[in-house]
Protein backbone atom coordinates (compact mmCIF):
# COMPACT_ATOMS: atom_id res chain seq x y z
CA MET A 1 0.63 -49.99 -17.71
CA ALA A 2 -1.15 -48.64 -20.74
CA PRO A 3 -0.95 -45.17 -22.27
CA GLU A 4 -4.11 -43.96 -20.48
CA TYR A 5 -4.33 -46.11 -17.33
CA VAL A 6 -2.65 -48.56 -14.98
CA GLN A 7 -4.32 -51.92 -14.42
CA LEU A 8 -4.17 -54.18 -11.39
CA ASP A 9 -4.34 -57.89 -12.28
CA GLN A 10 -3.85 -59.28 -8.75
CA PRO A 11 -5.56 -58.32 -5.47
CA GLY A 12 -3.63 -56.36 -2.87
CA GLY A 13 -2.05 -53.68 -5.05
CA GLY A 14 -2.40 -50.03 -4.29
CA ILE A 15 -1.73 -46.39 -5.04
CA ALA A 16 -0.39 -43.77 -2.64
CA LEU A 17 -0.21 -40.04 -3.26
CA ARG A 18 0.74 -36.95 -1.26
CA PHE A 19 -1.54 -33.99 -2.05
CA GLN A 20 -2.66 -30.64 -0.71
CA ALA A 21 -6.25 -29.79 -1.62
CA ARG A 22 -9.68 -30.01 -0.01
CA ASP A 23 -10.85 -32.82 -2.31
CA ALA A 24 -9.05 -35.76 -3.95
CA HIS A 25 -10.73 -37.63 -6.81
CA LEU A 26 -9.59 -40.53 -8.99
CA VAL A 27 -11.05 -41.81 -12.25
CA LEU A 28 -11.41 -45.57 -11.80
CA GLY A 29 -13.06 -48.40 -13.70
CA ALA A 30 -13.30 -52.17 -13.63
CA VAL A 31 -11.71 -54.26 -16.37
CA PRO A 32 -14.47 -55.15 -18.86
CA GLY A 33 -16.14 -58.45 -17.93
CA ARG A 34 -15.10 -58.33 -14.27
CA GLY A 35 -17.32 -57.57 -11.32
CA PRO A 36 -17.07 -54.73 -8.81
CA VAL A 37 -13.68 -54.12 -7.17
CA ARG A 38 -13.55 -53.40 -3.43
CA PHE A 39 -10.97 -51.05 -1.98
CA ARG A 40 -9.82 -49.67 1.35
CA LEU A 41 -8.63 -46.06 1.68
CA THR A 42 -6.48 -44.51 4.38
CA LEU A 43 -5.62 -40.88 4.96
CA ASP A 44 -2.25 -40.42 6.64
CA GLY A 45 -2.36 -44.12 7.53
CA GLN A 46 -5.76 -43.98 9.26
CA PRO A 47 -9.38 -44.43 8.12
CA PRO A 48 -10.61 -41.08 6.74
CA GLY A 49 -13.42 -40.57 9.29
CA ALA A 50 -15.22 -37.27 8.63
CA ASP A 51 -12.83 -36.48 5.76
CA HIS A 52 -14.15 -39.29 3.54
CA GLY A 53 -15.46 -38.51 0.07
CA GLU A 54 -18.86 -39.45 -1.33
CA ASP A 55 -17.58 -42.77 -2.68
CA VAL A 56 -15.87 -43.92 0.53
CA ASP A 57 -17.33 -44.51 3.99
CA ALA A 58 -15.81 -43.23 7.25
CA ASP A 59 -13.95 -46.54 7.68
CA GLY A 60 -12.34 -46.12 4.23
CA ARG A 61 -14.34 -48.77 2.36
CA GLY A 62 -15.42 -48.25 -1.23
CA THR A 63 -16.30 -50.16 -4.40
CA VAL A 64 -15.46 -49.50 -8.04
CA ASP A 65 -18.63 -50.45 -9.90
CA ALA A 66 -18.40 -48.31 -13.05
CA GLN A 67 -15.86 -46.23 -14.95
CA ARG A 68 -16.25 -42.74 -13.52
CA LEU A 69 -14.76 -40.10 -11.22
CA TYR A 70 -14.70 -41.26 -7.57
CA GLN A 71 -14.57 -38.69 -4.77
CA LEU A 72 -12.12 -40.22 -2.29
CA VAL A 73 -11.42 -37.37 0.16
CA ARG A 74 -13.32 -34.24 1.14
CA GLN A 75 -11.49 -32.54 4.01
CA GLN A 76 -13.73 -30.82 6.53
CA GLY A 77 -11.12 -28.36 7.77
CA ALA A 78 -8.12 -26.69 6.18
CA ALA A 79 -6.67 -28.19 3.01
CA ASP A 80 -3.59 -29.58 4.72
CA ALA A 81 -0.97 -31.72 2.98
CA ARG A 82 -2.10 -35.33 3.35
CA THR A 83 -1.20 -38.79 2.06
CA VAL A 84 -4.00 -40.88 0.59
CA GLU A 85 -3.45 -44.58 0.02
CA ILE A 86 -5.86 -46.93 -1.75
CA ARG A 87 -5.48 -50.73 -1.44
CA PHE A 88 -7.55 -52.80 -3.84
CA LEU A 89 -8.94 -55.98 -2.30
CA ASP A 90 -9.87 -57.49 -5.67
CA ALA A 91 -8.10 -57.69 -9.02
CA GLY A 92 -9.39 -56.07 -12.18
CA VAL A 93 -9.30 -52.32 -11.59
CA ARG A 94 -8.04 -49.56 -13.86
CA ALA A 95 -6.87 -46.18 -12.53
CA TYR A 96 -6.80 -43.26 -14.97
CA ALA A 97 -6.21 -39.81 -13.43
CA PHE A 98 -6.27 -37.94 -10.12
CA THR A 99 -8.05 -34.58 -9.89
CA PHE A 100 -8.25 -32.18 -6.96
CA GLY A 101 -10.67 -29.53 -5.76
């Protein structure tokens, strides 16, 4: 852990968060000098399907390829309370801050 981010140095780590909003975003970036980092996202334990964000496909797959804001979830219906979980398949990712819309 650093003052502004958490860093994953081994594959398989993850982040889980309960939220209630239409959109869930997370600022992510790769550790300098490392390649893209693949991740898998679930929403209430299942692939997000139609509720996936721009940076995730319906099966929950995504890739961190730059330091920026990633749209993880965009709910199609009501903004129900949900649990989002991200599992990183590769090491070398930094997570900074969640935002919601």
